[in-house]
């Protein structure tokens, strides 16, 4: 009888754990640089590599001249350029989330010419990373992935002088939260019918490309990063749907050797529903809350080693509560009747594109000027 009671109690405990994890603390990837490997030149989809191409799968195959863009995350900003550009120039007005395009910005006191010159990002690949825990099944045998992972490589040249400084690692553009999937893996334009499919609406940069939707309270953030035994610290900056940027400082220094998953935990997160402050949240036409990756920041304290600092980032996972519980048994489809969210989405997309486009056009002109000066020399 006592054994039966113990068994029933154990079953209840297991069911409670399963039930609680299904309601709270959903864990999803925010960005994964293994999904952002460059496969094209940003201009001609015919020259892009497919996902099944041997050169795409080969981690030793780098081409930072002809393949610097991840074609399915390509953002075309030529629409805000105006009419004073040739057809070829407007074709070149695009960028992507490939690691080659990420930028390093030092704080003002550290942004000397030499430091800026030797601070940049590049795409690189791992050979063998068992600590990442990703296992493949090949021909019935369990083996670790021999083909490597695509990662964001970061080089920062900090000042040698002893004062506190930091560097922001930014994506090439502020990642749009509202953007339809308009191209396929190789960068070929989708037809209007394909773009209008529900799975392609407002989801171009979702889950792995920098955006997470329906995010409520964040419980924890996991970052997989490579340490080279420098006592520098790192943080992640996220931007929400209210345009508020929040910085999450990881408690560990990067003074370890090799890969490690470091975690920021929300000390104010309350697991028990009974202890939470509950309140009514307005539903339609309230937009679905979201967060997007704004930047990484690496700090160097004044009494620590200056000069070159190298690190690599694989991915970020966020554990969070959903802001709004999605239900299928709603009696009325509000959006079909009013299309308020559609109107807001179009406005937000146009606003983000104008902001992104103007800054990218200035960068494009500066790069073109530098190439022209180099060629003339």
Protein backbone atom coordinates (compact mmCIF):
# COMPACT_ATOMS: atom_id res chain seq x y z
CA UNK A 1 0.00 0.00 0.00
CA UNK A 2 2.81 2.40 0.93
CA UNK A 3 4.62 1.62 -2.36
CA UNK A 4 1.43 2.40 -4.26
CA UNK A 5 1.13 5.78 -2.50
CA UNK A 6 4.77 6.55 -3.33
CA UNK A 7 4.17 5.60 -6.96
CA UNK A 8 1.05 7.81 -7.23
CA UNK A 9 2.93 10.67 -5.60
CA UNK A 10 5.81 10.31 -8.05
CA UNK A 11 3.41 10.31 -11.02
CA UNK A 12 1.69 13.44 -9.73
CA UNK A 13 5.07 15.17 -9.33
CA UNK A 14 6.15 14.23 -12.86
CA UNK A 15 2.84 15.42 -14.34
CA UNK A 16 3.12 18.67 -12.40
CA UNK A 17 6.59 19.31 -13.77
CA UNK A 18 5.51 18.51 -17.33
CA UNK A 19 2.41 20.70 -17.01
CA UNK A 20 4.32 23.62 -15.53
CA UNK A 21 7.03 23.55 -18.19
CA UNK A 22 4.41 23.45 -20.93
CA UNK A 23 2.82 26.67 -19.63
CA UNK A 24 5.80 28.70 -18.54
CA UNK A 25 9.32 29.40 -19.71
CA UNK A 26 9.34 28.62 -23.41
CA UNK A 27 12.92 28.40 -24.72
CA UNK A 28 13.69 29.54 -28.28
CA UNK A 29 16.67 30.64 -30.32
CA UNK A 30 17.02 34.38 -30.88
CA UNK A 31 19.97 34.22 -33.27
CA UNK A 32 22.15 31.37 -34.52
CA UNK A 33 25.13 32.23 -36.70
CA UNK A 34 25.18 28.67 -37.97
CA UNK A 35 22.00 29.63 -39.87
CA UNK A 36 23.62 32.78 -41.29
CA UNK A 37 26.52 31.37 -43.30
CA UNK A 38 27.31 33.51 -46.36
CA UNK A 39 26.24 31.83 -49.59
CA UNK A 40 26.12 34.63 -52.18
CA UNK A 41 27.31 38.01 -53.40
CA UNK A 42 24.15 39.96 -52.59
CA UNK A 43 23.46 40.73 -56.26
CA UNK A 44 23.03 37.61 -58.41
CA UNK A 45 21.06 34.67 -56.93
CA UNK A 46 22.27 32.47 -59.81
CA UNK A 47 25.77 32.55 -58.31
CA UNK A 48 24.57 31.64 -54.80
CA UNK A 49 25.22 28.29 -53.17
CA UNK A 50 22.28 26.08 -52.28
CA UNK A 51 21.93 24.47 -48.86
CA UNK A 52 22.91 21.12 -50.40
CA UNK A 53 25.99 22.41 -52.22
CA UNK A 54 29.22 20.72 -51.13
CA UNK A 55 31.01 24.06 -50.94
CA UNK A 56 28.31 25.39 -48.62
CA UNK A 57 28.64 22.39 -46.31
CA UNK A 58 32.46 22.50 -46.32
CA UNK A 59 33.53 24.51 -43.27
CA UNK A 60 36.99 25.12 -44.79
CA UNK A 61 35.52 26.78 -47.88
CA UNK A 62 35.79 30.56 -47.41
CA UNK A 63 35.32 33.18 -50.10
CA UNK A 64 35.19 36.62 -48.41
CA UNK A 65 35.32 38.32 -51.83
CA UNK A 66 32.52 36.66 -53.81
CA UNK A 67 30.43 35.27 -50.94
CA UNK A 68 29.87 37.80 -48.19
CA UNK A 69 26.08 37.67 -47.89
CA UNK A 70 23.53 35.33 -46.41
CA UNK A 71 21.02 35.61 -49.22
CA UNK A 72 17.79 34.73 -47.41
CA UNK A 73 18.37 37.50 -44.82
CA UNK A 74 19.17 40.02 -47.56
CA UNK A 75 17.73 43.50 -47.02
CA UNK A 76 17.26 45.65 -50.12
CA UNK A 77 17.37 49.37 -49.25
CA UNK A 78 17.54 50.75 -52.81
CA UNK A 79 13.91 51.92 -52.61
CA UNK A 80 14.93 54.89 -50.43
CA UNK A 81 17.97 55.80 -52.54
CA UNK A 82 16.37 58.25 -54.96
CA UNK A 83 16.87 58.56 -58.70
CA UNK A 84 20.50 59.66 -58.92
CA UNK A 85 21.89 56.12 -59.05
CA UNK A 86 22.45 53.75 -61.93
CA UNK A 87 20.72 50.36 -62.20
CA UNK A 88 23.95 48.59 -61.26
CA UNK A 89 24.39 50.80 -58.19
CA UNK A 90 20.86 50.11 -56.96
CA UNK A 91 21.49 46.36 -57.35
CA UNK A 92 24.45 46.71 -55.00
CA UNK A 93 22.33 48.45 -52.35
CA UNK A 94 21.63 45.46 -50.18
CA UNK A 95 23.15 43.87 -47.13
CA UNK A 96 22.55 40.80 -44.97
CA UNK A 97 23.14 39.32 -41.53
CA UNK A 98 26.19 37.32 -42.61
CA UNK A 99 29.00 37.73 -40.08
CA UNK A 100 31.18 39.63 -42.57
CA UNK A 101 28.76 42.56 -42.40
CA UNK A 102 28.64 43.00 -38.62
CA UNK A 103 30.39 46.06 -37.22
CA UNK A 104 32.49 46.92 -34.16
CA UNK A 105 32.04 50.37 -32.61
CA UNK A 106 34.40 51.46 -29.83
CA UNK A 107 33.37 54.03 -27.23
CA UNK A 108 34.53 57.58 -28.02
CA UNK A 109 37.64 57.60 -25.80
CA UNK A 110 38.83 54.31 -27.35
CA UNK A 111 37.89 55.03 -30.98
CA UNK A 112 41.36 55.99 -32.20
CA UNK A 113 42.26 55.35 -35.83
CA UNK A 114 44.43 52.29 -35.13
CA UNK A 115 41.88 50.78 -32.76
CA UNK A 116 39.05 51.23 -35.29
CA UNK A 117 41.16 49.84 -38.10
CA UNK A 118 41.86 46.59 -36.27
CA UNK A 119 38.36 46.10 -34.86
CA UNK A 120 36.01 44.16 -37.14
CA UNK A 121 33.98 40.97 -37.57
CA UNK A 122 34.32 38.02 -39.90
CA UNK A 123 32.67 34.70 -40.55
CA UNK A 124 34.51 31.64 -39.37
CA UNK A 125 33.79 27.98 -38.75
CA UNK A 126 34.57 25.46 -36.07
CA UNK A 127 36.20 22.13 -36.77
CA UNK A 128 34.89 20.11 -33.87
CA UNK A 129 32.88 21.47 -30.95
CA UNK A 130 31.50 18.64 -28.76
CA UNK A 131 30.62 21.06 -25.97
CA UNK A 132 27.87 22.52 -28.14
CA UNK A 133 26.06 19.24 -27.65
CA UNK A 134 24.78 18.83 -31.20
CA UNK A 135 24.92 15.18 -32.31
CA UNK A 136 24.24 13.71 -35.71
CA UNK A 137 23.09 10.18 -36.47
CA UNK A 138 24.98 8.82 -39.46
CA UNK A 139 24.44 5.29 -40.75
CA UNK A 140 23.18 4.17 -37.36
CA UNK A 141 26.27 5.40 -35.49
CA UNK A 142 26.38 8.37 -33.12
CA UNK A 143 29.08 10.81 -34.22
CA UNK A 144 29.84 14.45 -33.56
CA UNK A 145 29.38 16.82 -36.50
CA UNK A 146 32.69 16.85 -38.44
CA UNK A 147 31.66 19.67 -40.77
CA UNK A 148 31.80 22.45 -38.21
CA UNK A 149 29.52 25.33 -37.32
CA UNK A 150 29.40 28.84 -38.69
CA UNK A 151 30.22 31.41 -36.00
CA UNK A 152 30.65 35.16 -35.60
CA UNK A 153 34.34 35.99 -35.24
CA UNK A 154 35.10 39.25 -33.42
CA UNK A 155 38.38 41.15 -33.25
CA UNK A 156 38.61 44.22 -31.01
CA UNK A 157 41.74 46.34 -30.61
CA UNK A 158 41.35 47.92 -27.18
CA UNK A 159 43.63 50.77 -26.07
CA UNK A 160 46.86 49.78 -24.33
CA UNK A 161 46.45 52.60 -21.81
CA UNK A 162 44.83 51.73 -18.45
CA UNK A 163 41.27 53.06 -18.53
CA UNK A 164 37.85 51.46 -18.82
CA UNK A 165 36.47 51.03 -22.34
CA UNK A 166 33.97 48.98 -24.30
CA UNK A 167 32.99 47.95 -27.82
CA UNK A 168 29.56 47.43 -29.38
CA UNK A 169 29.16 44.63 -31.92
CA UNK A 170 26.19 45.62 -34.10
CA UNK A 171 24.37 43.89 -36.94
CA UNK A 172 24.74 45.74 -40.28
CA UNK A 173 21.22 47.12 -39.84
CA UNK A 174 18.63 47.28 -37.12
CA UNK A 175 16.87 43.97 -37.62
CA UNK A 176 13.26 44.61 -38.72
CA UNK A 177 10.59 42.98 -36.59
CA UNK A 178 8.00 43.27 -39.38
CA UNK A 179 9.34 41.95 -42.65
CA UNK A 180 7.85 39.40 -45.04
CA UNK A 181 9.99 36.63 -46.45
CA UNK A 182 10.58 37.91 -49.97
CA UNK A 183 13.45 35.70 -51.18
CA UNK A 184 14.36 32.03 -51.00
CA UNK A 185 17.62 30.52 -49.67
CA UNK A 186 19.61 31.57 -52.76
CA UNK A 187 18.10 35.06 -52.84
CA UNK A 188 15.62 34.54 -55.67
CA UNK A 189 12.53 36.72 -55.35
CA UNK A 190 9.38 34.93 -54.21
CA UNK A 191 6.17 35.43 -56.16
CA UNK A 192 3.44 37.62 -54.60
CA UNK A 193 1.41 34.45 -53.95
CA UNK A 194 4.30 32.86 -52.04
CA UNK A 195 4.95 36.03 -50.04
CA UNK A 196 1.31 36.20 -48.99
CA UNK A 197 1.37 32.73 -47.38
CA UNK A 198 0.85 32.92 -43.58
CA UNK A 199 4.24 31.34 -42.82
CA UNK A 200 5.99 34.07 -44.84
CA UNK A 201 4.18 37.08 -43.36
CA UNK A 202 6.25 39.23 -40.97
CA UNK A 203 8.58 36.31 -40.24
CA UNK A 204 11.74 36.92 -42.28
CA UNK A 205 13.94 37.44 -39.22
CA UNK A 206 12.08 35.28 -36.69
CA UNK A 207 13.68 32.61 -34.49
CA UNK A 208 17.31 32.35 -35.44
CA UNK A 209 17.67 35.55 -37.44
CA UNK A 210 17.38 38.01 -34.54
CA UNK A 211 13.66 38.40 -33.68
CA UNK A 212 11.38 36.63 -31.20
CA UNK A 213 7.63 37.31 -31.10
CA UNK A 214 5.11 37.12 -28.26
CA UNK A 215 7.75 37.57 -25.56
CA UNK A 216 6.53 38.43 -22.07
CA UNK A 217 8.72 38.12 -18.99
CA UNK A 218 12.24 36.90 -19.76
CA UNK A 219 13.42 34.21 -17.37
CA UNK A 220 16.97 33.68 -18.68
CA UNK A 221 19.30 34.29 -21.62
CA UNK A 222 21.90 31.73 -22.74
CA UNK A 223 24.91 32.78 -24.80
CA UNK A 224 27.41 30.31 -26.31
CA UNK A 225 30.72 32.12 -26.56
CA UNK A 226 34.40 31.23 -26.94
CA UNK A 227 36.80 32.49 -24.28
CA UNK A 228 40.51 33.14 -24.65
CA UNK A 229 41.26 33.71 -20.96
CA UNK A 230 40.82 37.49 -21.10
CA UNK A 231 39.10 38.95 -18.06
CA UNK A 232 36.63 40.91 -20.19
CA UNK A 233 32.87 40.80 -19.70
CA UNK A 234 30.05 40.61 -22.22
CA UNK A 235 26.41 41.69 -22.41
CA UNK A 236 23.51 41.39 -24.83
CA UNK A 237 21.33 44.37 -25.76
CA UNK A 238 17.72 43.66 -26.74
CA UNK A 239 15.18 46.11 -28.17
CA UNK A 240 11.47 45.59 -27.53
CA UNK A 241 8.31 46.67 -29.33
CA UNK A 242 8.30 49.95 -27.36
CA UNK A 243 11.75 50.79 -28.83
CA UNK A 244 13.36 50.43 -25.40
CA UNK A 245 16.86 48.95 -25.41
CA UNK A 246 17.72 46.84 -22.35
CA UNK A 247 21.22 45.57 -21.60
CA UNK A 248 21.65 42.14 -19.98
CA UNK A 249 25.05 41.77 -18.34
CA UNK A 250 26.34 38.20 -18.00
CA UNK A 251 27.84 37.50 -14.57
CA UNK A 252 30.82 35.50 -15.88
CA UNK A 253 34.01 36.91 -17.32
CA UNK A 254 35.42 35.51 -20.56
CA UNK A 255 38.50 34.27 -18.72
CA UNK A 256 38.00 30.62 -19.70
CA UNK A 257 39.57 28.61 -22.50
CA UNK A 258 37.22 27.28 -25.19
CA UNK A 259 33.46 27.17 -25.62
CA UNK A 260 31.08 27.78 -22.75
CA UNK A 261 27.40 28.54 -22.35
CA UNK A 262 27.02 31.49 -20.01
CA UNK A 263 23.65 32.50 -18.60
CA UNK A 264 21.90 35.62 -17.40
CA UNK A 265 19.13 34.74 -14.95
CA UNK A 266 16.27 37.05 -14.05
CA UNK A 267 16.40 37.24 -10.26
CA UNK A 268 12.89 38.76 -10.20
CA UNK A 269 11.28 35.93 -12.14
CA UNK A 270 8.46 34.31 -10.12
CA UNK A 271 7.70 30.69 -10.98
CA UNK A 272 4.60 30.23 -8.80
CA UNK A 273 1.42 31.69 -10.30
CA UNK A 274 0.00 32.29 -6.83
CA UNK A 275 2.78 34.76 -6.05
CA UNK A 276 2.53 36.78 -9.28
CA UNK A 277 0.87 40.15 -9.61
CA UNK A 278 -1.85 39.45 -12.16
CA UNK A 279 -3.58 42.12 -14.21
CA UNK A 280 -5.80 42.37 -17.29
CA UNK A 281 -3.94 42.95 -20.56
CA UNK A 282 -5.87 44.54 -23.46
CA UNK A 283 -6.00 42.20 -26.45
CA UNK A 284 -6.90 43.18 -30.02
CA UNK A 285 -5.68 45.44 -31.58
CA UNK A 286 -2.66 45.39 -29.26
CA UNK A 287 0.45 44.37 -31.22
CA UNK A 288 2.20 41.16 -30.29
CA UNK A 289 5.17 42.04 -28.04
CA UNK A 290 8.58 41.15 -29.43
CA UNK A 291 12.29 41.49 -28.74
CA UNK A 292 15.13 41.70 -31.24
CA UNK A 293 18.89 41.59 -30.98
CA UNK A 294 20.24 45.14 -30.91
CA UNK A 295 23.94 44.51 -30.18
CA UNK A 296 26.56 42.75 -28.10
CA UNK A 297 28.82 44.77 -25.81
CA UNK A 298 32.24 43.73 -24.53
CA UNK A 299 33.80 45.59 -21.59
CA UNK A 300 37.49 45.87 -20.79
CA UNK A 301 38.43 47.20 -17.37
CA UNK A 302 41.34 49.61 -17.20
CA UNK A 303 43.57 47.32 -15.15
CA UNK A 304 43.17 44.39 -17.59
CA UNK A 305 45.07 43.46 -20.75
CA UNK A 306 44.66 45.85 -23.69
CA UNK A 307 45.43 45.46 -27.37
CA UNK A 308 43.88 42.76 -29.55
CA UNK A 309 41.03 40.71 -28.14
CA UNK A 310 39.51 37.78 -30.06
CA UNK A 311 36.27 35.96 -29.33
CA UNK A 312 33.55 34.01 -31.17
CA UNK A 313 29.79 33.75 -30.71
CA UNK A 314 27.64 30.80 -31.77
CA UNK A 315 24.06 31.60 -30.68
CA UNK A 316 21.66 33.09 -28.16
CA UNK A 317 18.66 31.30 -26.61
CA UNK A 318 15.98 33.05 -24.56
CA UNK A 319 13.69 31.40 -22.01
CA UNK A 320 10.53 33.43 -21.50
CA UNK A 321 6.81 33.44 -20.75
CA UNK A 322 4.49 34.09 -23.65
CA UNK A 323 2.92 37.53 -23.47
CA UNK A 324 -0.39 36.49 -25.01
CA UNK A 325 -1.89 33.00 -24.95
CA UNK A 326 -2.82 32.12 -28.51
CA UNK A 327 -6.23 30.47 -28.78
CA UNK A 328 -7.98 28.81 -31.69
CA UNK A 329 -11.55 28.93 -30.38
CA UNK A 330 -12.04 32.71 -30.68
CA UNK A 331 -15.56 33.47 -31.96
CA UNK A 332 -14.55 36.43 -34.15
CA UNK A 333 -11.53 36.97 -36.36
CA UNK A 334 -10.95 40.62 -35.45
CA UNK A 335 -8.11 41.23 -37.87
CA UNK A 336 -10.15 40.10 -40.88
CA UNK A 337 -12.79 42.64 -39.96
CA UNK A 338 -10.59 45.66 -39.15
CA UNK A 339 -7.04 45.01 -40.50
CA UNK A 340 -5.61 47.35 -37.85
CA UNK A 341 -2.51 45.24 -37.25
CA UNK A 342 -1.89 45.06 -40.99
CA UNK A 343 -1.93 48.85 -41.23
CA UNK A 344 0.44 49.17 -38.26
CA UNK A 345 2.73 46.55 -39.74
CA UNK A 346 3.01 48.39 -43.06
CA UNK A 347 3.75 51.67 -41.26
CA UNK A 348 6.40 50.03 -39.05
CA UNK A 349 8.07 48.34 -42.04
CA UNK A 350 8.25 51.61 -43.97
CA UNK A 351 9.59 53.47 -40.94
CA UNK A 352 12.28 50.85 -40.27
CA UNK A 353 13.26 50.68 -43.95
CA UNK A 354 13.70 54.46 -44.16
CA UNK A 355 15.87 54.46 -41.06
CA UNK A 356 17.96 51.52 -42.22
CA UNK A 357 18.17 52.66 -45.83
CA UNK A 358 19.57 56.13 -45.26
CA UNK A 359 22.39 54.91 -43.00
CA UNK A 360 23.23 52.04 -45.36
CA UNK A 361 23.34 54.33 -48.41
CA UNK A 362 25.89 56.53 -46.64
CA UNK A 363 27.97 53.44 -45.87
CA UNK A 364 27.64 52.28 -49.48
CA UNK A 365 28.89 55.64 -50.80
CA UNK A 366 31.79 55.63 -48.34
CA UNK A 367 32.84 52.11 -49.39
CA UNK A 368 32.59 53.07 -53.06
CA UNK A 369 34.73 56.17 -52.43
CA UNK A 370 37.36 54.09 -50.62
CA UNK A 371 37.47 51.52 -53.45
CA UNK A 372 37.86 54.31 -55.99
CA UNK A 373 40.72 55.91 -54.04
CA UNK A 374 42.43 52.54 -53.63
CA UNK A 375 42.08 51.81 -57.31
CA UNK A 376 43.49 55.18 -58.29
CA UNK A 377 46.55 54.59 -56.15
